[in-house]
């Protein structure tokens, strides 16, 4: 059985296009949560690590009456 890291799952999800952390968490729940558990906090920590490593980049979308959100995309390195 092959082991897939959380980073690999996030990179695969982002290969389909830009997503917010919330959208990634929801997609994770639908696709792999039945056999692989990760909390939203774990996803956000991994996204921060991936951004620091240059695998993804984030842009901030300012929202009124809601917290700002970050939209993530792959970099050439990712």
PDB file of N, CA and C in Angstrom:
ATOM      1  N   UNK A   1       0.840  -1.167   0.000  1.00  0.00           N
ATOM      2  CA  UNK A   1       0.000   0.000   0.000  1.00  0.00           C
ATOM      3  C   UNK A   1       0.893   1.242   0.000  1.00  0.00           C
ATOM      4  N   UNK A   2       0.632   2.172  -0.884  1.00  0.00           N
ATOM      5  CA  UNK A   2       1.436   3.394  -0.984  1.00  0.00           C
ATOM      6  C   UNK A   2       0.967   4.408   0.049  1.00  0.00           C
ATOM      7  N   UNK A   3       1.913   5.132   0.613  1.00  0.00           N
ATOM      8  CA  UNK A   3       1.601   6.172   1.576  1.00  0.00           C
ATOM      9  C   UNK A   3       1.573   7.512   0.860  1.00  0.00           C
ATOM     10  N   UNK A   4       0.531   8.268   1.093  1.00  0.00           N
ATOM     11  CA  UNK A   4       0.424   9.580   0.474  1.00  0.00           C
ATOM     12  C   UNK A   4       0.432  10.630   1.573  1.00  0.00           C
ATOM     13  N   UNK A   5       1.358  11.557   1.486  1.00  0.00           N
ATOM     14  CA  UNK A   5       1.458  12.615   2.483  1.00  0.00           C
ATOM     15  C   UNK A   5       0.360  13.648   2.266  1.00  0.00           C
ATOM     16  N   UNK A   6       0.023  14.340   3.332  1.00  0.00           N
ATOM     17  CA  UNK A   6      -0.967  15.407   3.258  1.00  0.00           C
ATOM     18  C   UNK A   6      -0.555  16.435   2.209  1.00  0.00           C
ATOM     19  N   UNK A   7       0.729  16.734   2.156  1.00  0.00           N
ATOM     20  CA  UNK A   7       1.227  17.677   1.154  1.00  0.00           C
ATOM     21  C   UNK A   7       0.878  17.211  -0.254  1.00  0.00           C
ATOM     22  N   UNK A   8       1.057  15.927  -0.534  1.00  0.00           N
ATOM     23  CA  UNK A   8       0.758  15.393  -1.858  1.00  0.00           C
ATOM     24  C   UNK A   8      -0.726  15.530  -2.185  1.00  0.00           C
ATOM     25  N   UNK A   9      -1.575  15.279  -1.203  1.00  0.00           N
ATOM     26  CA  UNK A   9      -3.017  15.400  -1.423  1.00  0.00           C
ATOM     27  C   UNK A   9      -3.390  16.852  -1.724  1.00  0.00           C
ATOM     28  N   UNK A  10      -2.784  17.789  -1.010  1.00  0.00           N
ATOM     29  CA  UNK A  10      -3.080  19.205  -1.250  1.00  0.00           C
ATOM     30  C   UNK A  10      -2.547  19.663  -2.606  1.00  0.00           C
ATOM     31  N   UNK A  11      -1.356  19.212  -2.973  1.00  0.00           N
ATOM     32  CA  UNK A  11      -0.819  19.553  -4.286  1.00  0.00           C
ATOM     33  C   UNK A  11      -1.717  19.013  -5.396  1.00  0.00           C
ATOM     34  N   UNK A  12      -2.195  17.788  -5.225  1.00  0.00           N
ATOM     35  CA  UNK A  12      -3.096  17.205  -6.222  1.00  0.00           C
ATOM     36  C   UNK A  12      -4.389  18.016  -6.324  1.00  0.00           C
ATOM     37  N   UNK A  13      -4.939  18.402  -5.190  1.00  0.00           N
ATOM     38  CA  UNK A  13      -6.181  19.184  -5.209  1.00  0.00           C
ATOM     39  C   UNK A  13      -5.962  20.533  -5.875  1.00  0.00           C
ATOM     40  N   UNK A  14      -4.821  21.161  -5.613  1.00  0.00           N
ATOM     41  CA  UNK A  14      -4.547  22.470  -6.213  1.00  0.00           C
ATOM     42  C   UNK A  14      -4.198  22.390  -7.691  1.00  0.00           C
ATOM     43  N   UNK A  15      -3.893  21.188  -8.173  1.00  0.00           N
ATOM     44  CA  UNK A  15      -3.595  21.042  -9.604  1.00  0.00           C
ATOM     45  C   UNK A  15      -4.840  21.314 -10.454  1.00  0.00           C
ATOM     46  N   UNK A  16      -6.008  21.294  -9.824  1.00  0.00           N
ATOM     47  CA  UNK A  16      -7.251  21.584 -10.531  1.00  0.00           C
ATOM     48  C   UNK A  16      -7.569  23.067 -10.578  1.00  0.00           C
ATOM     49  N   UNK A  17      -6.823  23.871  -9.811  1.00  0.00           N
ATOM     50  CA  UNK A  17      -7.025  25.318  -9.838  1.00  0.00           C
ATOM     51  C   UNK A  17      -6.994  25.928  -8.456  1.00  0.00           C
ATOM     52  N   UNK A  18      -7.108  27.232  -8.431  1.00  0.00           N
ATOM     53  CA  UNK A  18      -7.045  28.011  -7.199  1.00  0.00           C
ATOM     54  C   UNK A  18      -8.165  27.618  -6.242  1.00  0.00           C
ATOM     55  N   UNK A  19      -7.825  27.534  -4.969  1.00  0.00           N
ATOM     56  CA  UNK A  19      -8.803  27.187  -3.938  1.00  0.00           C
ATOM     57  C   UNK A  19      -8.461  27.885  -2.640  1.00  0.00           C
ATOM     58  N   UNK A  20      -9.477  28.138  -1.854  1.00  0.00           N
ATOM     59  CA  UNK A  20      -9.257  28.646  -0.498  1.00  0.00           C
ATOM     60  C   UNK A  20      -9.003  27.454   0.418  1.00  0.00           C
ATOM     61  N   UNK A  21      -8.494  27.735   1.601  1.00  0.00           N
ATOM     62  CA  UNK A  21      -8.296  26.674   2.580  1.00  0.00           C
ATOM     63  C   UNK A  21      -9.607  26.002   2.936  1.00  0.00           C
ATOM     64  N   UNK A  22     -10.664  26.799   3.035  1.00  0.00           N
ATOM     65  CA  UNK A  22     -11.993  26.252   3.343  1.00  0.00           C
ATOM     66  C   UNK A  22     -12.440  25.300   2.245  1.00  0.00           C
ATOM     67  N   UNK A  23     -12.261  25.697   0.986  1.00  0.00           N
ATOM     68  CA  UNK A  23     -12.658  24.830  -0.131  1.00  0.00           C
ATOM     69  C   UNK A  23     -11.840  23.544  -0.143  1.00  0.00           C
ATOM     70  N   UNK A  24     -10.551  23.658   0.161  1.00  0.00           N
ATOM     71  CA  UNK A  24      -9.701  22.468   0.214  1.00  0.00           C
ATOM     72  C   UNK A  24     -10.143  21.536   1.338  1.00  0.00           C
ATOM     73  N   UNK A  25     -10.489  22.097   2.494  1.00  0.00           N
ATOM     74  CA  UNK A  25     -10.946  21.275   3.616  1.00  0.00           C
ATOM     75  C   UNK A  25     -12.240  20.553   3.262  1.00  0.00           C
ATOM     76  N   UNK A  26     -13.163  21.253   2.606  1.00  0.00           N
ATOM     77  CA  UNK A  26     -14.432  20.625   2.205  1.00  0.00           C
ATOM     78  C   UNK A  26     -14.186  19.517   1.188  1.00  0.00           C
ATOM     79  N   UNK A  27     -13.334  19.777   0.207  1.00  0.00           N
ATOM     80  CA  UNK A  27     -13.028  18.762  -0.800  1.00  0.00           C
ATOM     81  C   UNK A  27     -12.350  17.558  -0.157  1.00  0.00           C
ATOM     82  N   UNK A  28     -11.483  17.803   0.810  1.00  0.00           N
ATOM     83  CA  UNK A  28     -10.805  16.728   1.529  1.00  0.00           C
ATOM     84  C   UNK A  28     -11.831  15.854   2.234  1.00  0.00           C
ATOM     85  N   UNK A  29     -12.801  16.490   2.888  1.00  0.00           N
ATOM     86  CA  UNK A  29     -13.851  15.741   3.591  1.00  0.00           C
ATOM     87  C   UNK A  29     -14.634  14.849   2.647  1.00  0.00           C
ATOM     88  N   UNK A  30     -14.876  15.307   1.443  1.00  0.00           N
ATOM     89  CA  UNK A  30     -15.680  14.547   0.481  1.00  0.00           C
ATOM     90  C   UNK A  30     -14.878  13.415  -0.158  1.00  0.00           C
ATOM     91  N   UNK A  31     -13.586  13.661  -0.412  1.00  0.00           N
ATOM     92  CA  UNK A  31     -12.822  12.689  -1.195  1.00  0.00           C
ATOM     93  C   UNK A  31     -12.080  11.640  -0.382  1.00  0.00           C
ATOM     94  N   UNK A  32     -11.391  12.032   0.677  1.00  0.00           N
ATOM     95  CA  UNK A  32     -10.539  11.065   1.361  1.00  0.00           C
ATOM     96  C   UNK A  32     -10.814  10.904   2.848  1.00  0.00           C
ATOM     97  N   UNK A  33     -11.751  11.630   3.389  1.00  0.00           N
ATOM     98  CA  UNK A  33     -11.992  11.593   4.840  1.00  0.00           C
ATOM     99  C   UNK A  33     -12.447  10.221   5.333  1.00  0.00           C
ATOM    100  N   UNK A  34     -13.003   9.395   4.459  1.00  0.00           N
ATOM    101  CA  UNK A  34     -13.453   8.070   4.880  1.00  0.00           C
ATOM    102  C   UNK A  34     -12.301   7.169   5.303  1.00  0.00           C
ATOM    103  N   UNK A  35     -11.110   7.404   4.756  1.00  0.00           N
ATOM    104  CA  UNK A  35      -9.984   6.551   5.108  1.00  0.00           C
ATOM    105  C   UNK A  35      -8.755   7.327   5.573  1.00  0.00           C
ATOM    106  N   UNK A  36      -8.859   8.655   5.636  1.00  0.00           N
ATOM    107  CA  UNK A  36      -7.716   9.443   6.069  1.00  0.00           C
ATOM    108  C   UNK A  36      -8.227  10.689   6.762  1.00  0.00           C
ATOM    109  N   UNK A  37      -7.988  10.806   8.046  1.00  0.00           N
ATOM    110  CA  UNK A  37      -8.506  11.941   8.817  1.00  0.00           C
ATOM    111  C   UNK A  37      -7.455  13.038   8.933  1.00  0.00           C
ATOM    112  N   UNK A  38      -7.886  14.260   8.686  1.00  0.00           N
ATOM    113  CA  UNK A  38      -7.044  15.438   8.906  1.00  0.00           C
ATOM    114  C   UNK A  38      -7.962  16.573   9.320  1.00  0.00           C
ATOM    115  N   UNK A  39      -7.587  17.270  10.346  1.00  0.00           N
ATOM    116  CA  UNK A  39      -8.403  18.382  10.807  1.00  0.00           C
ATOM    117  C   UNK A  39      -8.130  19.608   9.942  1.00  0.00           C
ATOM    118  N   UNK A  40      -9.049  20.564   9.930  1.00  0.00           N
ATOM    119  CA  UNK A  40      -8.777  21.811   9.194  1.00  0.00           C
ATOM    120  C   UNK A  40      -7.494  22.479   9.681  1.00  0.00           C
ATOM    121  N   UNK A  41      -7.214  22.406  10.986  1.00  0.00           N
ATOM    122  CA  UNK A  41      -5.988  22.994  11.508  1.00  0.00           C
ATOM    123  C   UNK A  41      -4.756  22.338  10.888  1.00  0.00           C
ATOM    124  N   UNK A  42      -4.796  21.017  10.719  1.00  0.00           N
ATOM    125  CA  UNK A  42      -3.675  20.322  10.085  1.00  0.00           C
ATOM    126  C   UNK A  42      -3.509  20.776   8.640  1.00  0.00           C
ATOM    127  N   UNK A  43      -4.632  20.936   7.938  1.00  0.00           N
ATOM    128  CA  UNK A  43      -4.564  21.391   6.549  1.00  0.00           C
ATOM    129  C   UNK A  43      -3.947  22.781   6.461  1.00  0.00           C
ATOM    130  N   UNK A  44      -4.381  23.694   7.324  1.00  0.00           N
ATOM    131  CA  UNK A  44      -3.846  25.055   7.298  1.00  0.00           C
ATOM    132  C   UNK A  44      -2.365  25.088   7.672  1.00  0.00           C
ATOM    133  N   UNK A  45      -1.952  24.287   8.629  1.00  0.00           N
ATOM    134  CA  UNK A  45      -0.523  24.216   8.982  1.00  0.00           C
ATOM    135  C   UNK A  45       0.292  23.723   7.791  1.00  0.00           C
ATOM    136  N   UNK A  46      -0.231  22.715   7.109  1.00  0.00           N
ATOM    137  CA  UNK A  46       0.484  22.173   5.953  1.00  0.00           C
ATOM    138  C   UNK A  46       0.528  23.195   4.826  1.00  0.00           C
ATOM    139  N   UNK A  47      -0.558  23.923   4.605  1.00  0.00           N
ATOM    140  CA  UNK A  47      -0.564  24.971   3.580  1.00  0.00           C
ATOM    141  C   UNK A  47       0.476  26.048   3.894  1.00  0.00           C
ATOM    142  N   UNK A  48       0.601  26.425   5.156  1.00  0.00           N
ATOM    143  CA  UNK A  48       1.611  27.412   5.555  1.00  0.00           C
ATOM    144  C   UNK A  48       3.018  26.895   5.267  1.00  0.00           C
ATOM    145  N   UNK A  49       3.275  25.620   5.586  1.00  0.00           N
ATOM    146  CA  UNK A  49       4.587  25.021   5.317  1.00  0.00           C
ATOM    147  C   UNK A  49       4.875  24.986   3.818  1.00  0.00           C
ATOM    148  N   UNK A  50       3.858  24.622   3.046  1.00  0.00           N
ATOM    149  CA  UNK A  50       4.021  24.538   1.599  1.00  0.00           C
ATOM    150  C   UNK A  50       4.288  25.915   0.995  1.00  0.00           C
ATOM    151  N   UNK A  51       3.628  26.937   1.538  1.00  0.00           N
ATOM    152  CA  UNK A  51       3.868  28.296   1.048  1.00  0.00           C
ATOM    153  C   UNK A  51       5.298  28.727   1.381  1.00  0.00           C
ATOM    154  N   UNK A  52       5.760  28.434   2.593  1.00  0.00           N
ATOM    155  CA  UNK A  52       7.133  28.770   2.994  1.00  0.00           C
ATOM    156  C   UNK A  52       8.161  28.049   2.126  1.00  0.00           C
ATOM    157  N   UNK A  53       7.830  26.837   1.692  1.00  0.00           N
ATOM    158  CA  UNK A  53       8.734  26.045   0.854  1.00  0.00           C
ATOM    159  C   UNK A  53       8.669  26.451  -0.615  1.00  0.00           C
ATOM    160  N   UNK A  54       7.756  27.355  -0.968  1.00  0.00           N
ATOM    161  CA  UNK A  54       7.655  27.810  -2.351  1.00  0.00           C
ATOM    162  C   UNK A  54       6.861  26.906  -3.268  1.00  0.00           C
ATOM    163  N   UNK A  55       6.141  25.931  -2.695  1.00  0.00           N
ATOM    164  CA  UNK A  55       5.353  25.014  -3.516  1.00  0.00           C
ATOM    165  C   UNK A  55       4.021  25.622  -3.949  1.00  0.00           C
ATOM    166  N   UNK A  56       3.497  26.515  -3.125  1.00  0.00           N
ATOM    167  CA  UNK A  56       2.234  27.191  -3.429  1.00  0.00           C
ATOM    168  C   UNK A  56       2.398  28.674  -3.107  1.00  0.00           C
ATOM    169  N   UNK A  57       1.487  29.456  -3.642  1.00  0.00           N
ATOM    170  CA  UNK A  57       1.443  30.866  -3.277  1.00  0.00           C
ATOM    171  C   UNK A  57       0.015  31.202  -2.900  1.00  0.00           C
ATOM    172  N   UNK A  58      -0.112  32.232  -2.081  1.00  0.00           N
ATOM    173  CA  UNK A  58      -1.433  32.631  -1.611  1.00  0.00           C
ATOM    174  C   UNK A  58      -1.655  34.107  -1.908  1.00  0.00           C
ATOM    175  N   UNK A  59      -2.878  34.429  -2.250  1.00  0.00           N
ATOM    176  CA  UNK A  59      -3.264  35.828  -2.378  1.00  0.00           C
ATOM    177  C   UNK A  59      -4.410  36.049  -1.402  1.00  0.00           C
ATOM    178  N   UNK A  60      -4.452  37.225  -0.834  1.00  0.00           N
ATOM    179  CA  UNK A  60      -5.480  37.548   0.154  1.00  0.00           C
ATOM    180  C   UNK A  60      -6.652  38.209  -0.552  1.00  0.00           C
ATOM    181  N   UNK A  61      -7.833  37.709  -0.263  1.00  0.00           N
ATOM    182  CA  UNK A  61      -9.068  38.296  -0.768  1.00  0.00           C
ATOM    183  C   UNK A  61      -9.748  38.970   0.411  1.00  0.00           C
ATOM    184  N   UNK A  62      -9.852  40.294   0.336  1.00  0.00           N
ATOM    185  CA  UNK A  62     -10.490  41.027   1.425  1.00  0.00           C
ATOM    186  C   UNK A  62     -11.997  40.878   1.311  1.00  0.00           C
ATOM    187  N   UNK A  63     -12.632  40.667   2.453  1.00  0.00           N
ATOM    188  CA  UNK A  63     -14.075  40.475   2.507  1.00  0.00           C
ATOM    189  C   UNK A  63     -14.656  41.401   3.568  1.00  0.00           C
ATOM    190  N   UNK A  64     -15.832  41.915   3.305  1.00  0.00           N
ATOM    191  CA  UNK A  64     -16.499  42.715   4.323  1.00  0.00           C
ATOM    192  C   UNK A  64     -17.382  41.804   5.154  1.00  0.00           C
ATOM    193  N   UNK A  65     -17.428  42.066   6.433  1.00  0.00           N
ATOM    194  CA  UNK A  65     -18.235  41.313   7.391  1.00  0.00           C
ATOM    195  C   UNK A  65     -17.801  39.860   7.555  1.00  0.00           C
ATOM    196  N   UNK A  66     -16.651  39.528   7.014  1.00  0.00           N
ATOM    197  CA  UNK A  66     -16.082  38.186   7.154  1.00  0.00           C
ATOM    198  C   UNK A  66     -14.569  38.335   7.227  1.00  0.00           C
ATOM    199  N   UNK A  67     -13.904  37.363   7.810  1.00  0.00           N
ATOM    200  CA  UNK A  67     -12.437  37.426   7.795  1.00  0.00           C
ATOM    201  C   UNK A  67     -11.912  37.347   6.358  1.00  0.00           C
ATOM    202  N   UNK A  68     -10.780  37.968   6.107  1.00  0.00           N
ATOM    203  CA  UNK A  68     -10.162  37.844   4.786  1.00  0.00           C
ATOM    204  C   UNK A  68      -9.816  36.383   4.546  1.00  0.00           C
ATOM    205  N   UNK A  69      -9.802  35.988   3.294  1.00  0.00           N
ATOM    206  CA  UNK A  69      -9.433  34.602   2.991  1.00  0.00           C
ATOM    207  C   UNK A  69      -8.232  34.587   2.075  1.00  0.00           C
ATOM    208  N   UNK A  70      -7.506  33.485   2.139  1.00  0.00           N
ATOM    209  CA  UNK A  70      -6.362  33.280   1.257  1.00  0.00           C
ATOM    210  C   UNK A  70      -6.755  32.278   0.187  1.00  0.00           C
ATOM    211  N   UNK A  71      -6.398  32.604  -1.042  1.00  0.00           N
ATOM    212  CA  UNK A  71      -6.638  31.720  -2.172  1.00  0.00           C
ATOM    213  C   UNK A  71      -5.274  31.168  -2.595  1.00  0.00           C
ATOM    214  N   UNK A  72      -5.172  29.845  -2.667  1.00  0.00           N
ATOM    215  CA  UNK A  72      -3.903  29.167  -2.925  1.00  0.00           C
ATOM    216  C   UNK A  72      -3.829  28.664  -4.360  1.00  0.00           C
ATOM    217  N   UNK A  73      -2.643  28.781  -4.948  1.00  0.00           N
ATOM    218  CA  UNK A  73      -2.352  28.216  -6.262  1.00  0.00           C
ATOM    219  C   UNK A  73      -0.974  27.562  -6.217  1.00  0.00           C
ATOM    220  N   UNK A  74      -0.754  26.666  -7.148  1.00  0.00           N
ATOM    221  CA  UNK A  74       0.559  26.030  -7.279  1.00  0.00           C
ATOM    222  C   UNK A  74       1.558  27.005  -7.868  1.00  0.00           C
ATOM    223  N   UNK A  75       2.798  26.878  -7.489  1.00  0.00           N
ATOM    224  CA  UNK A  75       3.889  27.579  -8.149  1.00  0.00           C
ATOM    225  C   UNK A  75       4.512  26.618  -9.167  1.00  0.00           C
ATOM    226  N   UNK A  76       5.453  27.100  -9.957  1.00  0.00           N
ATOM    227  CA  UNK A  76       6.139  26.198 -10.889  1.00  0.00           C
ATOM    228  C   UNK A  76       6.852  25.070 -10.133  1.00  0.00           C
ATOM    229  N   UNK A  77       7.376  25.395  -8.964  1.00  0.00           N
ATOM    230  CA  UNK A  77       8.049  24.374  -8.143  1.00  0.00           C
ATOM    231  C   UNK A  77       7.061  23.323  -7.630  1.00  0.00           C
ATOM    232  N   UNK A  78       5.835  23.764  -7.328  1.00  0.00           N
ATOM    233  CA  UNK A  78       4.809  22.865  -6.790  1.00  0.00           C
ATOM    234  C   UNK A  78       4.294  21.952  -7.867  1.00  0.00           C
TER     235      UNK A  78
END
